[in-house]
Amino acid sequence: ETATLAGLSSSIVSIRRLCAQVVSQRRFASAEGLLLDRATYDH
């Protein structure tokens, strides 16, 4: 989970997408804040 959350902040879009997909599948609730921040950035 720690590496997945770190990947959400990657500058590489494909890594962010991959990590967001893992968060979605595994339902990592700890990613909520990061995802909300990323939503603004990736809108």
PDB file of all heavy atoms in Angstrom:
ATOM      1  N   GLU A   1       0.824  -1.212   0.000  1.00  0.00           N
ATOM      2  CA  GLU A   1       0.000   0.000   0.000  1.00  0.00           C
ATOM      3  C   GLU A   1       0.861   1.266   0.000  1.00  0.00           C
ATOM      4  O   GLU A   1       0.545   2.242  -0.686  1.00  0.00           O
ATOM      5  CB  GLU A   1      -0.937  -0.012   1.211  1.00  0.00           C
ATOM      6  CG  GLU A   1      -1.946   1.090   1.221  1.00  0.00           C
ATOM      7  CD  GLU A   1      -3.003   0.902   2.304  1.00  0.00           C
ATOM      8  OE1 GLU A   1      -3.131  -0.189   2.881  1.00  0.00           O
ATOM      9  OE2 GLU A   1      -3.724   1.892   2.552  1.00  0.00           O
ATOM     10  N   THR A   2       1.947   1.261   0.728  1.00  0.00           N
ATOM     11  CA  THR A   2       2.823   2.441   0.810  1.00  0.00           C
ATOM     12  C   THR A   2       3.392   2.801  -0.561  1.00  0.00           C
ATOM     13  O   THR A   2       3.381   3.967  -0.966  1.00  0.00           O
ATOM     14  CB  THR A   2       3.966   2.201   1.817  1.00  0.00           C
ATOM     15  OG1 THR A   2       3.395   1.835   3.074  1.00  0.00           O
ATOM     16  CG2 THR A   2       4.831   3.432   1.978  1.00  0.00           C
ATOM     17  N   ALA A   3       3.868   1.810  -1.285  1.00  0.00           N
ATOM     18  CA  ALA A   3       4.425   2.053  -2.623  1.00  0.00           C
ATOM     19  C   ALA A   3       3.335   2.499  -3.585  1.00  0.00           C
ATOM     20  O   ALA A   3       3.565   3.357  -4.445  1.00  0.00           O
ATOM     21  CB  ALA A   3       5.118   0.795  -3.147  1.00  0.00           C
ATOM     22  N   THR A   4       2.146   1.947  -3.442  1.00  0.00           N
ATOM     23  CA  THR A   4       1.029   2.335  -4.299  1.00  0.00           C
ATOM     24  C   THR A   4       0.669   3.794  -4.067  1.00  0.00           C
ATOM     25  O   THR A   4       0.467   4.549  -5.029  1.00  0.00           O
ATOM     26  CB  THR A   4      -0.197   1.436  -4.036  1.00  0.00           C
ATOM     27  OG1 THR A   4       0.179   0.066  -4.226  1.00  0.00           O
ATOM     28  CG2 THR A   4      -1.339   1.772  -4.955  1.00  0.00           C
ATOM     29  N   LEU A   5       0.602   4.201  -2.819  1.00  0.00           N
ATOM     30  CA  LEU A   5       0.286   5.599  -2.510  1.00  0.00           C
ATOM     31  C   LEU A   5       1.379   6.533  -3.026  1.00  0.00           C
ATOM     32  O   LEU A   5       1.086   7.615  -3.546  1.00  0.00           O
ATOM     33  CB  LEU A   5       0.102   5.785  -1.005  1.00  0.00           C
ATOM     34  CG  LEU A   5      -1.080   5.046  -0.385  1.00  0.00           C
ATOM     35  CD1 LEU A   5      -1.149   5.302   1.112  1.00  0.00           C
ATOM     36  CD2 LEU A   5      -2.380   5.398  -1.050  1.00  0.00           C
ATOM     37  N   ALA A   6       2.623   6.119  -2.914  1.00  0.00           N
ATOM     38  CA  ALA A   6       3.730   6.940  -3.434  1.00  0.00           C
ATOM     39  C   ALA A   6       3.618   7.080  -4.947  1.00  0.00           C
ATOM     40  O   ALA A   6       3.880   8.151  -5.504  1.00  0.00           O
ATOM     41  CB  ALA A   6       5.070   6.324  -3.052  1.00  0.00           C
ATOM     42  N   GLY A   7       3.194   6.030  -5.613  1.00  0.00           N
ATOM     43  CA  GLY A   7       3.052   6.055  -7.071  1.00  0.00           C
ATOM     44  C   GLY A   7       1.967   7.001  -7.557  1.00  0.00           C
ATOM     45  O   GLY A   7       2.006   7.465  -8.701  1.00  0.00           O
ATOM     46  N   LEU A   8       1.003   7.310  -6.700  1.00  0.00           N
ATOM     47  CA  LEU A   8      -0.055   8.255  -7.080  1.00  0.00           C
ATOM     48  C   LEU A   8       0.503   9.665  -7.308  1.00  0.00           C
ATOM     49  O   LEU A   8      -0.125  10.476  -7.978  1.00  0.00           O
ATOM     50  CB  LEU A   8      -1.150   8.304  -6.015  1.00  0.00           C
ATOM     51  CG  LEU A   8      -2.067   7.102  -5.915  1.00  0.00           C
ATOM     52  CD1 LEU A   8      -3.000   7.241  -4.725  1.00  0.00           C
ATOM     53  CD2 LEU A   8      -2.854   6.913  -7.207  1.00  0.00           C
ATOM     54  N   SER A   9       1.656   9.944  -6.761  1.00  0.00           N
ATOM     55  CA  SER A   9       2.281  11.263  -6.906  1.00  0.00           C
ATOM     56  C   SER A   9       3.368  11.275  -7.977  1.00  0.00           C
ATOM     57  O   SER A   9       4.075  12.272  -8.127  1.00  0.00           O
ATOM     58  CB  SER A   9       2.883  11.706  -5.573  1.00  0.00           C
ATOM     59  OG  SER A   9       1.868  11.809  -4.602  1.00  0.00           O
ATOM     60  N   SER A  10       3.508  10.199  -8.709  1.00  0.00           N
ATOM     61  CA  SER A  10       4.542  10.115  -9.738  1.00  0.00           C
ATOM     62  C   SER A  10       4.311  11.155 -10.833  1.00  0.00           C
ATOM     63  O   SER A  10       3.176  11.525 -11.134  1.00  0.00           O
ATOM     64  CB  SER A  10       4.549   8.715 -10.356  1.00  0.00           C
ATOM     65  OG  SER A  10       5.426   8.665 -11.456  1.00  0.00           O
ATOM     66  N   SER A  11       5.388  11.589 -11.447  1.00  0.00           N
ATOM     67  CA  SER A  11       5.273  12.527 -12.572  1.00  0.00           C
ATOM     68  C   SER A  11       4.928  11.787 -13.859  1.00  0.00           C
ATOM     69  O   SER A  11       4.580  12.402 -14.864  1.00  0.00           O
ATOM     70  CB  SER A  11       6.581  13.299 -12.747  1.00  0.00           C
ATOM     71  OG  SER A  11       7.635  12.398 -13.030  1.00  0.00           O
ATOM     72  N   ILE A  12       4.980  10.454 -13.826  1.00  0.00           N
ATOM     73  CA  ILE A  12       4.689   9.641 -15.003  1.00  0.00           C
ATOM     74  C   ILE A  12       3.224   9.204 -14.955  1.00  0.00           C
ATOM     75  O   ILE A  12       2.799   8.521 -14.020  1.00  0.00           O
ATOM     76  CB  ILE A  12       5.630   8.415 -15.063  1.00  0.00           C
ATOM     77  CG1 ILE A  12       7.086   8.889 -15.066  1.00  0.00           C
ATOM     78  CG2 ILE A  12       5.325   7.553 -16.271  1.00  0.00           C
ATOM     79  CD1 ILE A  12       8.103   7.782 -14.844  1.00  0.00           C
ATOM     80  N   VAL A  13       2.461   9.617 -15.963  1.00  0.00           N
ATOM     81  CA  VAL A  13       1.015   9.361 -15.992  1.00  0.00           C
ATOM     82  C   VAL A  13       0.702   7.871 -15.919  1.00  0.00           C
ATOM     83  O   VAL A  13      -0.217   7.459 -15.201  1.00  0.00           O
ATOM     84  CB  VAL A  13       0.363   9.993 -17.251  1.00  0.00           C
ATOM     85  CG1 VAL A  13      -1.101   9.627 -17.351  1.00  0.00           C
ATOM     86  CG2 VAL A  13       0.544  11.487 -17.255  1.00  0.00           C
ATOM     87  N   SER A  14       1.447   7.038 -16.649  1.00  0.00           N
ATOM     88  CA  SER A  14       1.145   5.601 -16.659  1.00  0.00           C
ATOM     89  C   SER A  14       1.332   4.977 -15.272  1.00  0.00           C
ATOM     90  O   SER A  14       0.599   4.063 -14.900  1.00  0.00           O
ATOM     91  CB  SER A  14       1.996   4.871 -17.707  1.00  0.00           C
ATOM     92  OG  SER A  14       3.369   5.061 -17.453  1.00  0.00           O
ATOM     93  N   ILE A  15       2.283   5.480 -14.501  1.00  0.00           N
ATOM     94  CA  ILE A  15       2.474   4.960 -13.133  1.00  0.00           C
ATOM     95  C   ILE A  15       1.326   5.425 -12.244  1.00  0.00           C
ATOM     96  O   ILE A  15       0.798   4.646 -11.448  1.00  0.00           O
ATOM     97  CB  ILE A  15       3.838   5.389 -12.568  1.00  0.00           C
ATOM     98  CG1 ILE A  15       4.908   4.689 -13.379  1.00  0.00           C
ATOM     99  CG2 ILE A  15       3.934   5.105 -11.075  1.00  0.00           C
ATOM    100  CD1 ILE A  15       6.283   4.686 -12.836  1.00  0.00           C
ATOM    101  N   ARG A  16       0.921   6.690 -12.372  1.00  0.00           N
ATOM    102  CA  ARG A  16      -0.225   7.187 -11.586  1.00  0.00           C
ATOM    103  C   ARG A  16      -1.479   6.386 -11.911  1.00  0.00           C
ATOM    104  O   ARG A  16      -2.236   6.008 -11.024  1.00  0.00           O
ATOM    105  CB  ARG A  16      -0.469   8.674 -11.870  1.00  0.00           C
ATOM    106  CG  ARG A  16       0.530   9.577 -11.241  1.00  0.00           C
ATOM    107  CD  ARG A  16       0.067  11.026 -11.163  1.00  0.00           C
ATOM    108  NE  ARG A  16      -0.586  11.548 -12.336  1.00  0.00           N
ATOM    109  CZ  ARG A  16       0.019  12.239 -13.311  1.00  0.00           C
ATOM    110  NH1 ARG A  16       1.323  12.477 -13.238  1.00  0.00           N
ATOM    111  NH2 ARG A  16      -0.665  12.712 -14.326  1.00  0.00           N
ATOM    112  N   ARG A  17      -1.705   6.114 -13.205  1.00  0.00           N
ATOM    113  CA  ARG A  17      -2.886   5.352 -13.626  1.00  0.00           C
ATOM    114  C   ARG A  17      -2.845   3.951 -13.029  1.00  0.00           C
ATOM    115  O   ARG A  17      -3.832   3.463 -12.476  1.00  0.00           O
ATOM    116  CB  ARG A  17      -2.979   5.288 -15.142  1.00  0.00           C
ATOM    117  CG  ARG A  17      -4.233   4.578 -15.623  1.00  0.00           C
ATOM    118  CD  ARG A  17      -4.369   4.443 -17.145  1.00  0.00           C
ATOM    119  NE  ARG A  17      -3.813   5.524 -17.922  1.00  0.00           N
ATOM    120  CZ  ARG A  17      -2.677   5.443 -18.634  1.00  0.00           C
ATOM    121  NH1 ARG A  17      -1.970   4.331 -18.642  1.00  0.00           N
ATOM    122  NH2 ARG A  17      -2.253   6.463 -19.336  1.00  0.00           N
ATOM    123  N   LEU A  18      -1.693   3.295 -13.123  1.00  0.00           N
ATOM    124  CA  LEU A  18      -1.532   1.947 -12.591  1.00  0.00           C
ATOM    125  C   LEU A  18      -1.797   1.919 -11.089  1.00  0.00           C
ATOM    126  O   LEU A  18      -2.532   1.060 -10.592  1.00  0.00           O
ATOM    127  CB  LEU A  18      -0.117   1.431 -12.894  1.00  0.00           C
ATOM    128  CG  LEU A  18       0.217   0.027 -12.441  1.00  0.00           C
ATOM    129  CD1 LEU A  18      -0.554  -0.994 -13.267  1.00  0.00           C
ATOM    130  CD2 LEU A  18       1.705  -0.218 -12.574  1.00  0.00           C
ATOM    131  N   CYS A  19      -1.250   2.886 -10.373  1.00  0.00           N
ATOM    132  CA  CYS A  19      -1.446   2.945  -8.917  1.00  0.00           C
ATOM    133  C   CYS A  19      -2.905   3.246  -8.566  1.00  0.00           C
ATOM    134  O   CYS A  19      -3.453   2.668  -7.624  1.00  0.00           O
ATOM    135  CB  CYS A  19      -0.506   3.970  -8.298  1.00  0.00           C
ATOM    136  SG  CYS A  19       1.223   3.419  -8.343  1.00  0.00           S
ATOM    137  N   ALA A  20      -3.549   4.117  -9.322  1.00  0.00           N
ATOM    138  CA  ALA A  20      -4.960   4.416  -9.076  1.00  0.00           C
ATOM    139  C   ALA A  20      -5.821   3.180  -9.339  1.00  0.00           C
ATOM    140  O   ALA A  20      -6.800   2.925  -8.629  1.00  0.00           O
ATOM    141  CB  ALA A  20      -5.417   5.587  -9.938  1.00  0.00           C
ATOM    142  N   GLN A  21      -5.452   2.386 -10.333  1.00  0.00           N
ATOM    143  CA  GLN A  21      -6.189   1.151 -10.609  1.00  0.00           C
ATOM    144  C   GLN A  21      -6.027   0.154  -9.461  1.00  0.00           C
ATOM    145  O   GLN A  21      -6.993  -0.507  -9.064  1.00  0.00           O
ATOM    146  CB  GLN A  21      -5.712   0.532 -11.929  1.00  0.00           C
ATOM    147  CG  GLN A  21      -6.139   1.321 -13.149  1.00  0.00           C
ATOM    148  CD  GLN A  21      -5.431   0.877 -14.426  1.00  0.00           C
ATOM    149  OE1 GLN A  21      -4.362   0.268 -14.395  1.00  0.00           O
ATOM    150  NE2 GLN A  21      -6.036   1.208 -15.563  1.00  0.00           N
ATOM    151  N   VAL A  22      -4.833   0.076  -8.913  1.00  0.00           N
ATOM    152  CA  VAL A  22      -4.600  -0.818  -7.769  1.00  0.00           C
ATOM    153  C   VAL A  22      -5.393  -0.335  -6.557  1.00  0.00           C
ATOM    154  O   VAL A  22      -6.027  -1.123  -5.859  1.00  0.00           O
ATOM    155  CB  VAL A  22      -3.087  -0.932  -7.442  1.00  0.00           C
ATOM    156  CG1 VAL A  22      -2.861  -1.664  -6.128  1.00  0.00           C
ATOM    157  CG2 VAL A  22      -2.357  -1.626  -8.577  1.00  0.00           C
ATOM    158  N   VAL A  23      -5.384   0.977  -6.318  1.00  0.00           N
ATOM    159  CA  VAL A  23      -6.171   1.544  -5.213  1.00  0.00           C
ATOM    160  C   VAL A  23      -7.638   1.184  -5.393  1.00  0.00           C
ATOM    161  O   VAL A  23      -8.324   0.800  -4.433  1.00  0.00           O
ATOM    162  CB  VAL A  23      -5.987   3.080  -5.140  1.00  0.00           C
ATOM    163  CG1 VAL A  23      -7.041   3.709  -4.252  1.00  0.00           C
ATOM    164  CG2 VAL A  23      -4.603   3.420  -4.635  1.00  0.00           C
ATOM    165  N   SER A  24      -8.121   1.279  -6.612  1.00  0.00           N
ATOM    166  CA  SER A  24      -9.518   0.973  -6.902  1.00  0.00           C
ATOM    167  C   SER A  24      -9.831  -0.498  -6.626  1.00  0.00           C
ATOM    168  O   SER A  24     -10.838  -0.817  -6.001  1.00  0.00           O
ATOM    169  CB  SER A  24      -9.815   1.310  -8.366  1.00  0.00           C
ATOM    170  OG  SER A  24     -11.155   1.065  -8.676  1.00  0.00           O
ATOM    171  N   GLN A  25      -8.953  -1.376  -7.081  1.00  0.00           N
ATOM    172  CA  GLN A  25      -9.170  -2.820  -6.892  1.00  0.00           C
ATOM    173  C   GLN A  25      -9.069  -3.226  -5.428  1.00  0.00           C
ATOM    174  O   GLN A  25      -9.867  -4.015  -4.938  1.00  0.00           O
ATOM    175  CB  GLN A  25      -8.146  -3.618  -7.702  1.00  0.00           C
ATOM    176  CG  GLN A  25      -8.326  -3.505  -9.182  1.00  0.00           C
ATOM    177  CD  GLN A  25      -7.102  -4.012  -9.952  1.00  0.00           C
ATOM    178  OE1 GLN A  25      -6.074  -4.372  -9.378  1.00  0.00           O
ATOM    179  NE2 GLN A  25      -7.229  -4.031 -11.269  1.00  0.00           N
ATOM    180  N   ARG A  26      -8.072  -2.685  -4.746  1.00  0.00           N
ATOM    181  CA  ARG A  26      -7.825  -3.073  -3.352  1.00  0.00           C
ATOM    182  C   ARG A  26      -8.570  -2.204  -2.349  1.00  0.00           C
ATOM    183  O   ARG A  26      -8.560  -2.477  -1.158  1.00  0.00           O
ATOM    184  CB  ARG A  26      -6.319  -3.026  -3.051  1.00  0.00           C
ATOM    185  CG  ARG A  26      -5.477  -4.016  -3.851  1.00  0.00           C
ATOM    186  CD  ARG A  26      -5.870  -5.436  -3.547  1.00  0.00           C
ATOM    187  NE  ARG A  26      -5.670  -5.704  -2.146  1.00  0.00           N
ATOM    188  CZ  ARG A  26      -4.908  -6.638  -1.650  1.00  0.00           C
ATOM    189  NH1 ARG A  26      -4.287  -7.454  -2.443  1.00  0.00           N
ATOM    190  NH2 ARG A  26      -4.776  -6.779  -0.346  1.00  0.00           N
ATOM    191  N   ARG A  27      -9.184  -1.145  -2.838  1.00  0.00           N
ATOM    192  CA  ARG A  27      -9.960  -0.221  -2.002  1.00  0.00           C
ATOM    193  C   ARG A  27      -9.143   0.317  -0.823  1.00  0.00           C
ATOM    194  O   ARG A  27      -9.567   0.254   0.330  1.00  0.00           O
ATOM    195  CB  ARG A  27     -11.243  -0.894  -1.538  1.00  0.00           C
ATOM    196  CG  ARG A  27     -12.169  -1.212  -2.680  1.00  0.00           C
ATOM    197  CD  ARG A  27     -13.491  -1.768  -2.199  1.00  0.00           C
ATOM    198  NE  ARG A  27     -14.399  -1.844  -3.321  1.00  0.00           N
ATOM    199  CZ  ARG A  27     -14.867  -2.973  -3.826  1.00  0.00           C
ATOM    200  NH1 ARG A  27     -14.549  -4.122  -3.278  1.00  0.00           N
ATOM    201  NH2 ARG A  27     -15.686  -2.944  -4.858  1.00  0.00           N
ATOM    202  N   PHE A  28      -7.979   0.868  -1.151  1.00  0.00           N
ATOM    203  CA  PHE A  28      -7.117   1.461  -0.131  1.00  0.00           C
ATOM    204  C   PHE A  28      -7.710   2.800   0.305  1.00  0.00           C
ATOM    205  O   PHE A  28      -7.524   3.825  -0.339  1.00  0.00           O
ATOM    206  CB  PHE A  28      -5.696   1.686  -0.659  1.00  0.00           C
ATOM    207  CG  PHE A  28      -4.903   0.426  -0.932  1.00  0.00           C
ATOM    208  CD1 PHE A  28      -3.945   0.402  -1.941  1.00  0.00           C
ATOM    209  CD2 PHE A  28      -5.073  -0.720  -0.172  1.00  0.00           C
ATOM    210  CE1 PHE A  28      -3.193  -0.728  -2.186  1.00  0.00           C
ATOM    211  CE2 PHE A  28      -4.328  -1.865  -0.419  1.00  0.00           C
ATOM    212  CZ  PHE A  28      -3.377  -1.874  -1.429  1.00  0.00           C
ATOM    213  N   ALA A  29      -8.417   2.801   1.423  1.00  0.00           N
ATOM    214  CA  ALA A  29      -9.068   4.022   1.913  1.00  0.00           C
ATOM    215  C   ALA A  29      -8.053   5.119   2.243  1.00  0.00           C
ATOM    216  O   ALA A  29      -8.374   6.305   2.176  1.00  0.00           O
ATOM    217  CB  ALA A  29      -9.920   3.703   3.141  1.00  0.00           C
ATOM    218  N   SER A  30      -6.842   4.731   2.569  1.00  0.00           N
ATOM    219  CA  SER A  30      -5.815   5.717   2.905  1.00  0.00           C
ATOM    220  C   SER A  30      -5.434   6.594   1.709  1.00  0.00           C
ATOM    221  O   SER A  30      -4.785   7.624   1.865  1.00  0.00           O
ATOM    222  CB  SER A  30      -4.563   5.016   3.444  1.00  0.00           C
ATOM    223  OG  SER A  30      -4.058   4.110   2.472  1.00  0.00           O
ATOM    224  N   ALA A  31      -5.861   6.208   0.515  1.00  0.00           N
ATOM    225  CA  ALA A  31      -5.536   6.970  -0.695  1.00  0.00           C
ATOM    226  C   ALA A  31      -6.543   8.076  -0.976  1.00  0.00           C
ATOM    227  O   ALA A  31      -6.340   8.872  -1.904  1.00  0.00           O
ATOM    228  CB  ALA A  31      -5.472   6.027  -1.889  1.00  0.00           C
ATOM    229  N   GLU A  32      -7.599   8.175  -0.187  1.00  0.00           N
ATOM    230  CA  GLU A  32      -8.676   9.120  -0.468  1.00  0.00           C
ATOM    231  C   GLU A  32      -8.172  10.553  -0.655  1.00  0.00           C
ATOM    232  O   GLU A  32      -8.490  11.207  -1.662  1.00  0.00           O
ATOM    233  CB  GLU A  32      -9.727   9.073   0.644  1.00  0.00           C
ATOM    234  CG  GLU A  32     -10.892   9.994   0.405  1.00  0.00           C
ATOM    235  CD  GLU A  32     -11.887   9.935   1.555  1.00  0.00           C
ATOM    236  OE1 GLU A  32     -11.459   9.923   2.734  1.00  0.00           O
ATOM    237  OE2 GLU A  32     -13.093   9.916   1.257  1.00  0.00           O
ATOM    238  N   GLY A  33      -7.404  11.068   0.263  1.00  0.00           N
ATOM    239  CA  GLY A  33      -6.908  12.442   0.179  1.00  0.00           C
ATOM    240  C   GLY A  33      -6.043  12.673  -1.051  1.00  0.00           C
ATOM    241  O   GLY A  33      -6.173  13.676  -1.752  1.00  0.00           O
ATOM    242  N   LEU A  34      -5.134  11.724  -1.302  1.00  0.00           N
ATOM    243  CA  LEU A  34      -4.273  11.832  -2.488  1.00  0.00           C
ATOM    244  C   LEU A  34      -5.091  11.827  -3.772  1.00  0.00           C
ATOM    245  O   LEU A  34      -4.819  12.588  -4.702  1.00  0.00           O
ATOM    246  CB  LEU A  34      -3.264  10.673  -2.525  1.00  0.00           C
ATOM    247  CG  LEU A  34      -2.051  10.786  -1.633  1.00  0.00           C
ATOM    248  CD1 LEU A  34      -1.291   9.468  -1.595  1.00  0.00           C
ATOM    249  CD2 LEU A  34      -1.145  11.897  -2.133  1.00  0.00           C
ATOM    250  N   LEU A  35      -6.082  10.954  -3.836  1.00  0.00           N
ATOM    251  CA  LEU A  35      -6.919  10.880  -5.034  1.00  0.00           C
ATOM    252  C   LEU A  35      -7.705  12.166  -5.247  1.00  0.00           C
ATOM    253  O   LEU A  35      -7.856  12.626  -6.384  1.00  0.00           O
ATOM    254  CB  LEU A  35      -7.874   9.680  -4.954  1.00  0.00           C
ATOM    255  CG  LEU A  35      -7.229   8.305  -5.107  1.00  0.00           C
ATOM    256  CD1 LEU A  35      -8.235   7.214  -4.774  1.00  0.00           C
ATOM    257  CD2 LEU A  35      -6.664   8.115  -6.500  1.00  0.00           C
ATOM    258  N   LEU A  36      -8.217  12.734  -4.173  1.00  0.00           N
ATOM    259  CA  LEU A  36      -8.936  14.005  -4.300  1.00  0.00           C
ATOM    260  C   LEU A  36      -8.003  15.104  -4.806  1.00  0.00           C
ATOM    261  O   LEU A  36      -8.399  15.920  -5.648  1.00  0.00           O
ATOM    262  CB  LEU A  36      -9.584  14.388  -2.973  1.00  0.00           C
ATOM    263  CG  LEU A  36     -10.803  13.550  -2.593  1.00  0.00           C
ATOM    264  CD1 LEU A  36     -11.183  13.790  -1.138  1.00  0.00           C
ATOM    265  CD2 LEU A  36     -11.971  13.833  -3.515  1.00  0.00           C
ATOM    266  N   ASP A  37      -6.776  15.128  -4.333  1.00  0.00           N
ATOM    267  CA  ASP A  37      -5.790  16.090  -4.836  1.00  0.00           C
ATOM    268  C   ASP A  37      -5.477  15.831  -6.311  1.00  0.00           C
ATOM    269  O   ASP A  37      -5.395  16.758  -7.111  1.00  0.00           O
ATOM    270  CB  ASP A  37      -4.488  16.021  -4.031  1.00  0.00           C
ATOM    271  CG  ASP A  37      -4.650  16.546  -2.614  1.00  0.00           C
ATOM    272  OD1 ASP A  37      -5.644  17.257  -2.345  1.00  0.00           O
ATOM    273  OD2 ASP A  37      -3.777  16.235  -1.776  1.00  0.00           O
ATOM    274  N   ARG A  38      -5.301  14.569  -6.665  1.00  0.00           N
ATOM    275  CA  ARG A  38      -4.988  14.194  -8.047  1.00  0.00           C
ATOM    276  C   ARG A  38      -6.143  14.531  -8.980  1.00  0.00           C
ATOM    277  O   ARG A  38      -5.931  14.870 -10.144  1.00  0.00           O
ATOM    278  CB  ARG A  38      -4.670  12.700  -8.167  1.00  0.00           C
ATOM    279  CG  ARG A  38      -3.428  12.212  -7.488  1.00  0.00           C
ATOM    280  CD  ARG A  38      -2.154  12.903  -7.812  1.00  0.00           C
ATOM    281  NE  ARG A  38      -1.924  13.170  -9.205  1.00  0.00           N
ATOM    282  CZ  ARG A  38      -0.883  13.877  -9.663  1.00  0.00           C
ATOM    283  NH1 ARG A  38       0.013  14.346  -8.840  1.00  0.00           N
ATOM    284  NH2 ARG A  38      -0.733  14.088 -10.938  1.00  0.00           N
ATOM    285  N   ALA A  39      -7.368  14.447  -8.487  1.00  0.00           N
ATOM    286  CA  ALA A  39      -8.536  14.753  -9.321  1.00  0.00           C
ATOM    287  C   ALA A  39      -8.473  16.188  -9.818  1.00  0.00           C
ATOM    288  O   ALA A  39      -8.796  16.473 -10.973  1.00  0.00           O
ATOM    289  CB  ALA A  39      -9.826  14.507  -8.539  1.00  0.00           C
ATOM    290  N   THR A  40      -8.031  17.090  -8.969  1.00  0.00           N
ATOM    291  CA  THR A  40      -7.890  18.490  -9.375  1.00  0.00           C
ATOM    292  C   THR A  40      -6.784  18.625 -10.420  1.00  0.00           C
ATOM    293  O   THR A  40      -6.948  19.282 -11.437  1.00  0.00           O
ATOM    294  CB  THR A  40      -7.556  19.372  -8.155  1.00  0.00           C
ATOM    295  OG1 THR A  40      -8.594  19.218  -7.198  1.00  0.00           O
ATOM    296  CG2 THR A  40      -7.423  20.826  -8.539  1.00  0.00           C
ATOM    297  N   TYR A  41      -5.690  17.951 -10.189  1.00  0.00           N
ATOM    298  CA  TYR A  41      -4.537  18.026 -11.081  1.00  0.00           C
ATOM    299  C   TYR A  41      -4.818  17.379 -12.436  1.00  0.00           C
ATOM    300  O   TYR A  41      -4.413  17.894 -13.475  1.00  0.00           O
ATOM    301  CB  TYR A  41      -3.338  17.356 -10.402  1.00  0.00           C
ATOM    302  CG  TYR A  41      -2.067  17.394 -11.213  1.00  0.00           C
ATOM    303  CD1 TYR A  41      -1.283  18.547 -11.246  1.00  0.00           C
ATOM    304  CD2 TYR A  41      -1.661  16.289 -11.938  1.00  0.00           C
ATOM    305  CE1 TYR A  41      -0.112  18.582 -11.993  1.00  0.00           C
ATOM    306  CE2 TYR A  41      -0.491  16.323 -12.678  1.00  0.00           C
ATOM    307  CZ  TYR A  41       0.272  17.469 -12.707  1.00  0.00           C
ATOM    308  OH  TYR A  41       1.427  17.494 -13.447  1.00  0.00           O
ATOM    309  N   ASP A  42      -5.507  16.228 -12.435  1.00  0.00           N
ATOM    310  CA  ASP A  42      -5.737  15.456 -13.659  1.00  0.00           C
ATOM    311  C   ASP A  42      -7.112  15.694 -14.290  1.00  0.00           C
ATOM    312  O   ASP A  42      -7.539  14.925 -15.144  1.00  0.00           O
ATOM    313  CB  ASP A  42      -5.572  13.957 -13.365  1.00  0.00           C
ATOM    314  CG  ASP A  42      -4.114  13.570 -13.146  1.00  0.00           C
ATOM    315  OD1 ASP A  42      -3.252  14.058 -13.900  1.00  0.00           O
ATOM    316  OD2 ASP A  42      -3.846  12.782 -12.218  1.00  0.00           O
ATOM    317  N   HIS A  43      -7.789  16.743 -13.876  1.00  0.00           N
ATOM    318  CA  HIS A  43      -9.142  17.012 -14.364  1.00  0.00           C
ATOM    319  C   HIS A  43      -9.217  17.121 -15.886  1.00  0.00           C
ATOM    320  O   HIS A  43     -10.206  16.723 -16.501  1.00  0.00           O
ATOM    321  CB  HIS A  43      -9.686  18.289 -13.714  1.00  0.00           C
ATOM    322  CG  HIS A  43     -11.116  18.539 -14.028  1.00  0.00           C
ATOM    323  ND1 HIS A  43     -11.517  19.295 -15.107  1.00  0.00           N
ATOM    324  CD2 HIS A  43     -12.249  18.113 -13.428  1.00  0.00           C
ATOM    325  CE1 HIS A  43     -12.827  19.339 -15.154  1.00  0.00           C
ATOM    326  NE2 HIS A  43     -13.300  18.630 -14.146  1.00  0.00           N
TER     327      HIS A  43
END
